[in-house]
């Protein structure tokens, strides 16, 4: 059975709520998708010459309860710094 998860983006003091959500078989699958979303957002940020690693995606259920947080800094491995 699929469950609907909502991905609320917390980005530099601004919260963008996800009104539609997406269906996944598990919270782990939703977390993987949130990591991919975080990486895509970071790619766009890099194009502007700025990268914020303190942003996050909050995964909630239909009642708005936080089920998990995906921190941008945890969605990538930084090497060679």
PDB file of N, CA and C in Angstrom:
ATOM      1  N   UNK A   1       0.828  -1.178   0.000  1.00  0.00           N
ATOM      2  CA  UNK A   1       0.000   0.000   0.000  1.00  0.00           C
ATOM      3  C   UNK A   1       0.879   1.250   0.000  1.00  0.00           C
ATOM      4  N   UNK A   2       0.520   2.199  -0.810  1.00  0.00           N
ATOM      5  CA  UNK A   2       1.289   3.434  -0.936  1.00  0.00           C
ATOM      6  C   UNK A   2       0.758   4.464   0.057  1.00  0.00           C
ATOM      7  N   UNK A   3       1.681   5.250   0.586  1.00  0.00           N
ATOM      8  CA  UNK A   3       1.306   6.345   1.481  1.00  0.00           C
ATOM      9  C   UNK A   3       1.717   7.663   0.828  1.00  0.00           C
ATOM     10  N   UNK A   4       0.989   8.718   1.153  1.00  0.00           N
ATOM     11  CA  UNK A   4       1.304  10.045   0.602  1.00  0.00           C
ATOM     12  C   UNK A   4       2.176  10.798   1.602  1.00  0.00           C
ATOM     13  N   UNK A   5       3.282  11.328   1.083  1.00  0.00           N
ATOM     14  CA  UNK A   5       4.222  12.106   1.880  1.00  0.00           C
ATOM     15  C   UNK A   5       4.338  13.499   1.272  1.00  0.00           C
ATOM     16  N   UNK A   6       4.519  14.479   2.134  1.00  0.00           N
ATOM     17  CA  UNK A   6       4.626  15.877   1.713  1.00  0.00           C
ATOM     18  C   UNK A   6       6.030  16.369   2.027  1.00  0.00           C
ATOM     19  N   UNK A   7       6.620  17.090   1.065  1.00  0.00           N
ATOM     20  CA  UNK A   7       8.000  17.552   1.188  1.00  0.00           C
ATOM     21  C   UNK A   7       7.987  19.072   1.325  1.00  0.00           C
ATOM     22  N   UNK A   8       8.190  19.577   2.530  1.00  0.00           N
ATOM     23  CA  UNK A   8       8.209  21.005   2.782  1.00  0.00           C
ATOM     24  C   UNK A   8       9.648  21.498   2.794  1.00  0.00           C
ATOM     25  N   UNK A   9       9.940  22.438   1.918  1.00  0.00           N
ATOM     26  CA  UNK A   9      11.298  22.944   1.744  1.00  0.00           C
ATOM     27  C   UNK A   9      11.544  24.113   2.687  1.00  0.00           C
ATOM     28  N   UNK A  10      12.566  23.978   3.517  1.00  0.00           N
ATOM     29  CA  UNK A  10      13.019  25.052   4.407  1.00  0.00           C
ATOM     30  C   UNK A  10      14.332  25.566   3.819  1.00  0.00           C
ATOM     31  N   UNK A  11      14.264  26.745   3.232  1.00  0.00           N
ATOM     32  CA  UNK A  11      15.404  27.252   2.470  1.00  0.00           C
ATOM     33  C   UNK A  11      15.721  28.688   2.890  1.00  0.00           C
ATOM     34  N   UNK A  12      16.803  28.845   3.664  1.00  0.00           N
ATOM     35  CA  UNK A  12      17.315  30.166   4.051  1.00  0.00           C
ATOM     36  C   UNK A  12      16.227  31.046   4.669  1.00  0.00           C
ATOM     37  N   UNK A  13      15.475  30.491   5.602  1.00  0.00           N
ATOM     38  CA  UNK A  13      14.460  31.254   6.309  1.00  0.00           C
ATOM     39  C   UNK A  13      13.085  31.263   5.662  1.00  0.00           C
ATOM     40  N   UNK A  14      12.950  30.672   4.496  1.00  0.00           N
ATOM     41  CA  UNK A  14      11.670  30.615   3.797  1.00  0.00           C
ATOM     42  C   UNK A  14      11.186  29.169   3.756  1.00  0.00           C
ATOM     43  N   UNK A  15       9.906  28.979   4.040  1.00  0.00           N
ATOM     44  CA  UNK A  15       9.307  27.643   3.982  1.00  0.00           C
ATOM     45  C   UNK A  15       8.355  27.587   2.796  1.00  0.00           C
ATOM     46  N   UNK A  16       8.575  26.594   1.931  1.00  0.00           N
ATOM     47  CA  UNK A  16       7.683  26.349   0.802  1.00  0.00           C
ATOM     48  C   UNK A  16       6.987  25.019   1.071  1.00  0.00           C
ATOM     49  N   UNK A  17       5.689  25.098   1.330  1.00  0.00           N
ATOM     50  CA  UNK A  17       4.911  23.895   1.645  1.00  0.00           C
ATOM     51  C   UNK A  17       4.553  23.139   0.369  1.00  0.00           C
ATOM     52  N   UNK A  18       4.475  21.844   0.509  1.00  0.00           N
ATOM     53  CA  UNK A  18       4.093  20.952  -0.583  1.00  0.00           C
ATOM     54  C   UNK A  18       2.603  20.642  -0.437  1.00  0.00           C
ATOM     55  N   UNK A  19       1.745  21.237  -1.258  1.00  0.00           N
ATOM     56  CA  UNK A  19       0.302  21.024  -1.098  1.00  0.00           C
ATOM     57  C   UNK A  19      -0.208  19.704  -1.677  1.00  0.00           C
ATOM     58  N   UNK A  20       0.565  19.071  -2.559  1.00  0.00           N
ATOM     59  CA  UNK A  20       0.089  17.873  -3.248  1.00  0.00           C
ATOM     60  C   UNK A  20       0.661  16.579  -2.691  1.00  0.00           C
ATOM     61  N   UNK A  21       1.923  16.589  -2.341  1.00  0.00           N
ATOM     62  CA  UNK A  21       2.577  15.383  -1.870  1.00  0.00           C
ATOM     63  C   UNK A  21       2.796  14.384  -2.994  1.00  0.00           C
ATOM     64  N   UNK A  22       3.449  13.295  -2.642  1.00  0.00           N
ATOM     65  CA  UNK A  22       3.711  12.202  -3.589  1.00  0.00           C
ATOM     66  C   UNK A  22       3.560  10.885  -2.852  1.00  0.00           C
ATOM     67  N   UNK A  23       3.219   9.865  -3.580  1.00  0.00           N
ATOM     68  CA  UNK A  23       3.029   8.550  -2.984  1.00  0.00           C
ATOM     69  C   UNK A  23       4.287   7.701  -3.094  1.00  0.00           C
ATOM     70  N   UNK A  24       4.586   7.019  -1.981  1.00  0.00           N
ATOM     71  CA  UNK A  24       5.732   6.113  -1.919  1.00  0.00           C
ATOM     72  C   UNK A  24       5.335   4.878  -1.122  1.00  0.00           C
ATOM     73  N   UNK A  25       6.052   3.803  -1.352  1.00  0.00           N
ATOM     74  CA  UNK A  25       5.775   2.552  -0.657  1.00  0.00           C
ATOM     75  C   UNK A  25       6.235   2.587   0.796  1.00  0.00           C
ATOM     76  N   UNK A  26       7.183   3.471   1.109  1.00  0.00           N
ATOM     77  CA  UNK A  26       7.709   3.525   2.471  1.00  0.00           C
ATOM     78  C   UNK A  26       8.314   4.897   2.746  1.00  0.00           C
ATOM     79  N   UNK A  27       8.535   5.179   4.016  1.00  0.00           N
ATOM     80  CA  UNK A  27       9.204   6.413   4.403  1.00  0.00           C
ATOM     81  C   UNK A  27      10.635   6.423   3.879  1.00  0.00           C
ATOM     82  N   UNK A  28      11.284   5.269   3.839  1.00  0.00           N
ATOM     83  CA  UNK A  28      12.649   5.183   3.307  1.00  0.00           C
ATOM     84  C   UNK A  28      12.678   5.595   1.834  1.00  0.00           C
ATOM     85  N   UNK A  29      11.684   5.188   1.059  1.00  0.00           N
ATOM     86  CA  UNK A  29      11.613   5.575  -0.349  1.00  0.00           C
ATOM     87  C   UNK A  29      11.361   7.076  -0.478  1.00  0.00           C
ATOM     88  N   UNK A  30      10.533   7.626   0.402  1.00  0.00           N
ATOM     89  CA  UNK A  30      10.282   9.071   0.392  1.00  0.00           C
ATOM     90  C   UNK A  30      11.559   9.824   0.752  1.00  0.00           C
ATOM     91  N   UNK A  31      12.317   9.307   1.709  1.00  0.00           N
ATOM     92  CA  UNK A  31      13.584   9.940   2.108  1.00  0.00           C
ATOM     93  C   UNK A  31      14.565   9.939   0.935  1.00  0.00           C
ATOM     94  N   UNK A  32      14.655   8.845   0.206  1.00  0.00           N
ATOM     95  CA  UNK A  32      15.536   8.784  -0.964  1.00  0.00           C
ATOM     96  C   UNK A  32      15.140   9.835  -2.001  1.00  0.00           C
ATOM     97  N   UNK A  33      13.837   9.994  -2.211  1.00  0.00           N
ATOM     98  CA  UNK A  33      13.349  10.997  -3.170  1.00  0.00           C
ATOM     99  C   UNK A  33      13.672  12.408  -2.684  1.00  0.00           C
ATOM    100  N   UNK A  34      13.546  12.643  -1.388  1.00  0.00           N
ATOM    101  CA  UNK A  34      13.865  13.960  -0.829  1.00  0.00           C
ATOM    102  C   UNK A  34      15.353  14.275  -0.998  1.00  0.00           C
ATOM    103  N   UNK A  35      16.202  13.267  -0.848  1.00  0.00           N
ATOM    104  CA  UNK A  35      17.643  13.474  -1.084  1.00  0.00           C
ATOM    105  C   UNK A  35      17.904  13.856  -2.541  1.00  0.00           C
ATOM    106  N   UNK A  36      17.221  13.190  -3.458  1.00  0.00           N
ATOM    107  CA  UNK A  36      17.370  13.532  -4.880  1.00  0.00           C
ATOM    108  C   UNK A  36      16.891  14.957  -5.138  1.00  0.00           C
ATOM    109  N   UNK A  37      15.773  15.332  -4.518  1.00  0.00           N
ATOM    110  CA  UNK A  37      15.265  16.696  -4.669  1.00  0.00           C
ATOM    111  C   UNK A  37      16.267  17.709  -4.119  1.00  0.00           C
ATOM    112  N   UNK A  38      16.843  17.412  -2.961  1.00  0.00           N
ATOM    113  CA  UNK A  38      17.823  18.308  -2.358  1.00  0.00           C
ATOM    114  C   UNK A  38      19.029  18.482  -3.282  1.00  0.00           C
ATOM    115  N   UNK A  39      19.489  17.401  -3.867  1.00  0.00           N
ATOM    116  CA  UNK A  39      20.631  17.483  -4.788  1.00  0.00           C
ATOM    117  C   UNK A  39      20.298  18.316  -6.018  1.00  0.00           C
ATOM    118  N   UNK A  40      19.084  18.180  -6.535  1.00  0.00           N
ATOM    119  CA  UNK A  40      18.666  18.970  -7.702  1.00  0.00           C
ATOM    120  C   UNK A  40      18.631  20.458  -7.355  1.00  0.00           C
ATOM    121  N   UNK A  41      18.119  20.778  -6.176  1.00  0.00           N
ATOM    122  CA  UNK A  41      18.076  22.180  -5.744  1.00  0.00           C
ATOM    123  C   UNK A  41      19.489  22.726  -5.592  1.00  0.00           C
ATOM    124  N   UNK A  42      20.371  21.928  -5.001  1.00  0.00           N
ATOM    125  CA  UNK A  42      21.756  22.373  -4.836  1.00  0.00           C
ATOM    126  C   UNK A  42      22.437  22.593  -6.180  1.00  0.00           C
ATOM    127  N   UNK A  43      22.130  21.773  -7.164  1.00  0.00           N
ATOM    128  CA  UNK A  43      22.698  21.965  -8.505  1.00  0.00           C
ATOM    129  C   UNK A  43      22.276  23.315  -9.077  1.00  0.00           C
ATOM    130  N   UNK A  44      21.018  23.668  -8.887  1.00  0.00           N
ATOM    131  CA  UNK A  44      20.532  24.971  -9.353  1.00  0.00           C
ATOM    132  C   UNK A  44      21.245  26.102  -8.608  1.00  0.00           C
ATOM    133  N   UNK A  45      21.423  25.939  -7.296  1.00  0.00           N
ATOM    134  CA  UNK A  45      22.109  26.953  -6.503  1.00  0.00           C
ATOM    135  C   UNK A  45      23.546  27.150  -6.978  1.00  0.00           C
ATOM    136  N   UNK A  46      24.215  26.067  -7.305  1.00  0.00           N
ATOM    137  CA  UNK A  46      25.603  26.169  -7.758  1.00  0.00           C
ATOM    138  C   UNK A  46      25.719  27.032  -9.002  1.00  0.00           C
ATOM    139  N   UNK A  47      24.691  27.026  -9.839  1.00  0.00           N
ATOM    140  CA  UNK A  47      24.689  27.846 -11.040  1.00  0.00           C
ATOM    141  C   UNK A  47      24.718  29.337 -10.732  1.00  0.00           C
ATOM    142  N   UNK A  48      24.269  29.704  -9.526  1.00  0.00           N
ATOM    143  CA  UNK A  48      24.296  31.112  -9.123  1.00  0.00           C
ATOM    144  C   UNK A  48      25.567  31.451  -8.359  1.00  0.00           C
ATOM    145  N   UNK A  49      26.387  30.435  -8.088  1.00  0.00           N
ATOM    146  CA  UNK A  49      27.631  30.657  -7.354  1.00  0.00           C
ATOM    147  C   UNK A  49      27.463  30.610  -5.848  1.00  0.00           C
ATOM    148  N   UNK A  50      26.315  30.153  -5.382  1.00  0.00           N
ATOM    149  CA  UNK A  50      26.042  30.094  -3.945  1.00  0.00           C
ATOM    150  C   UNK A  50      25.477  28.715  -3.612  1.00  0.00           C
ATOM    151  N   UNK A  51      25.891  28.176  -2.473  1.00  0.00           N
ATOM    152  CA  UNK A  51      25.379  26.874  -2.047  1.00  0.00           C
ATOM    153  C   UNK A  51      25.110  26.923  -0.551  1.00  0.00           C
ATOM    154  N   UNK A  52      23.885  26.663  -0.162  1.00  0.00           N
ATOM    155  CA  UNK A  52      23.493  26.667   1.249  1.00  0.00           C
ATOM    156  C   UNK A  52      23.310  25.219   1.710  1.00  0.00           C
ATOM    157  N   UNK A  53      24.154  24.776   2.616  1.00  0.00           N
ATOM    158  CA  UNK A  53      24.056  23.405   3.124  1.00  0.00           C
ATOM    159  C   UNK A  53      23.195  23.300   4.377  1.00  0.00           C
ATOM    160  N   UNK A  54      22.684  24.425   4.875  1.00  0.00           N
ATOM    161  CA  UNK A  54      21.850  24.371   6.077  1.00  0.00           C
ATOM    162  C   UNK A  54      20.360  24.255   5.750  1.00  0.00           C
ATOM    163  N   UNK A  55      19.997  24.244   4.485  1.00  0.00           N
ATOM    164  CA  UNK A  55      18.601  24.070   4.087  1.00  0.00           C
ATOM    165  C   UNK A  55      18.186  22.620   4.343  1.00  0.00           C
ATOM    166  N   UNK A  56      16.866  22.388   4.325  1.00  0.00           N
ATOM    167  CA  UNK A  56      16.389  21.032   4.607  1.00  0.00           C
ATOM    168  C   UNK A  56      15.022  20.804   3.977  1.00  0.00           C
ATOM    169  N   UNK A  57      14.679  19.544   3.838  1.00  0.00           N
ATOM    170  CA  UNK A  57      13.341  19.138   3.400  1.00  0.00           C
ATOM    171  C   UNK A  57      12.718  18.355   4.549  1.00  0.00           C
ATOM    172  N   UNK A  58      11.557  18.823   4.973  1.00  0.00           N
ATOM    173  CA  UNK A  58      10.807  18.171   6.037  1.00  0.00           C
ATOM    174  C   UNK A  58       9.765  17.266   5.382  1.00  0.00           C
ATOM    175  N   UNK A  59       9.802  15.999   5.716  1.00  0.00           N
ATOM    176  CA  UNK A  59       8.832  15.044   5.189  1.00  0.00           C
ATOM    177  C   UNK A  59       7.726  14.899   6.226  1.00  0.00           C
ATOM    178  N   UNK A  60       6.474  15.185   5.796  1.00  0.00           N
ATOM    179  CA  UNK A  60       5.347  15.095   6.712  1.00  0.00           C
ATOM    180  C   UNK A  60       4.289  14.150   6.167  1.00  0.00           C
ATOM    181  N   UNK A  61       3.373  13.788   7.058  1.00  0.00           N
ATOM    182  CA  UNK A  61       2.220  13.005   6.633  1.00  0.00           C
ATOM    183  C   UNK A  61       1.065  13.953   6.322  1.00  0.00           C
ATOM    184  N   UNK A  62      -0.087  13.417   6.009  1.00  0.00           N
ATOM    185  CA  UNK A  62      -1.247  14.221   5.645  1.00  0.00           C
ATOM    186  C   UNK A  62      -1.775  15.088   6.777  1.00  0.00           C
ATOM    187  N   UNK A  63      -1.405  14.767   8.001  1.00  0.00           N
ATOM    188  CA  UNK A  63      -1.822  15.545   9.167  1.00  0.00           C
ATOM    189  C   UNK A  63      -0.810  16.639   9.504  1.00  0.00           C
ATOM    190  N   UNK A  64       0.284  16.704   8.731  1.00  0.00           N
ATOM    191  CA  UNK A  64       1.310  17.707   8.976  1.00  0.00           C
ATOM    192  C   UNK A  64       2.342  17.314  10.006  1.00  0.00           C
ATOM    193  N   UNK A  65       2.314  16.073  10.452  1.00  0.00           N
ATOM    194  CA  UNK A  65       3.306  15.597  11.430  1.00  0.00           C
ATOM    195  C   UNK A  65       4.640  15.338  10.733  1.00  0.00           C
ATOM    196  N   UNK A  66       5.706  15.843  11.311  1.00  0.00           N
ATOM    197  CA  UNK A  66       7.040  15.618  10.751  1.00  0.00           C
ATOM    198  C   UNK A  66       7.442  14.162  10.965  1.00  0.00           C
ATOM    199  N   UNK A  67       7.770  13.496   9.861  1.00  0.00           N
ATOM    200  CA  UNK A  67       8.190  12.098   9.924  1.00  0.00           C
ATOM    201  C   UNK A  67       9.694  11.953   9.794  1.00  0.00           C
ATOM    202  N   UNK A  68      10.317  12.910   9.090  1.00  0.00           N
ATOM    203  CA  UNK A  68      11.763  12.834   8.852  1.00  0.00           C
ATOM    204  C   UNK A  68      12.242  14.184   8.334  1.00  0.00           C
ATOM    205  N   UNK A  69      13.524  14.434   8.488  1.00  0.00           N
ATOM    206  CA  UNK A  69      14.164  15.626   7.939  1.00  0.00           C
ATOM    207  C   UNK A  69      15.330  15.189   7.070  1.00  0.00           C
ATOM    208  N   UNK A  70      15.442  15.792   5.913  1.00  0.00           N
ATOM    209  CA  UNK A  70      16.596  15.558   5.042  1.00  0.00           C
ATOM    210  C   UNK A  70      17.374  16.863   4.978  1.00  0.00           C
ATOM    211  N   UNK A  71      18.512  16.882   5.626  1.00  0.00           N
ATOM    212  CA  UNK A  71      19.379  18.053   5.615  1.00  0.00           C
ATOM    213  C   UNK A  71      20.189  18.043   4.333  1.00  0.00           C
ATOM    214  N   UNK A  72      20.288  19.203   3.695  1.00  0.00           N
ATOM    215  CA  UNK A  72      21.049  19.269   2.445  1.00  0.00           C
ATOM    216  C   UNK A  72      22.472  18.757   2.652  1.00  0.00           C
ATOM    217  N   UNK A  73      23.083  19.110   3.778  1.00  0.00           N
ATOM    218  CA  UNK A  73      24.469  18.705   4.018  1.00  0.00           C
ATOM    219  C   UNK A  73      24.624  17.186   4.113  1.00  0.00           C
ATOM    220  N   UNK A  74      23.540  16.484   4.427  1.00  0.00           N
ATOM    221  CA  UNK A  74      23.586  15.029   4.503  1.00  0.00           C
ATOM    222  C   UNK A  74      23.246  14.356   3.185  1.00  0.00           C
ATOM    223  N   UNK A  75      22.844  15.142   2.187  1.00  0.00           N
ATOM    224  CA  UNK A  75      22.458  14.576   0.890  1.00  0.00           C
ATOM    225  C   UNK A  75      23.636  14.461  -0.066  1.00  0.00           C
ATOM    226  N   UNK A  76      24.799  14.992   0.346  1.00  0.00           N
ATOM    227  CA  UNK A  76      25.993  14.949  -0.498  1.00  0.00           C
ATOM    228  C   UNK A  76      27.214  14.601   0.354  1.00  0.00           C
ATOM    229  N   UNK A  77      28.237  14.101  -0.303  1.00  0.00           N
ATOM    230  CA  UNK A  77      29.535  13.901   0.340  1.00  0.00           C
ATOM    231  C   UNK A  77      30.463  14.990  -0.203  1.00  0.00           C
ATOM    232  N   UNK A  78      31.021  15.794   0.709  1.00  0.00           N
ATOM    233  CA  UNK A  78      31.948  16.859   0.303  1.00  0.00           C
ATOM    234  C   UNK A  78      33.353  16.310   0.513  1.00  0.00           C
ATOM    235  N   UNK A  79      34.128  16.310  -0.558  1.00  0.00           N
ATOM    236  CA  UNK A  79      35.493  15.789  -0.489  1.00  0.00           C
ATOM    237  C   UNK A  79      36.471  16.841  -1.006  1.00  0.00           C
ATOM    238  N   UNK A  80      37.698  16.717  -0.590  1.00  0.00           N
ATOM    239  CA  UNK A  80      38.752  17.576  -1.107  1.00  0.00           C
ATOM    240  C   UNK A  80      38.759  18.983  -0.557  1.00  0.00           C
ATOM    241  N   UNK A  81      38.035  19.213   0.537  1.00  0.00           N
ATOM    242  CA  UNK A  81      37.965  20.573   1.083  1.00  0.00           C
ATOM    243  C   UNK A  81      39.189  20.881   1.917  1.00  0.00           C
TER     244      UNK A  81
END
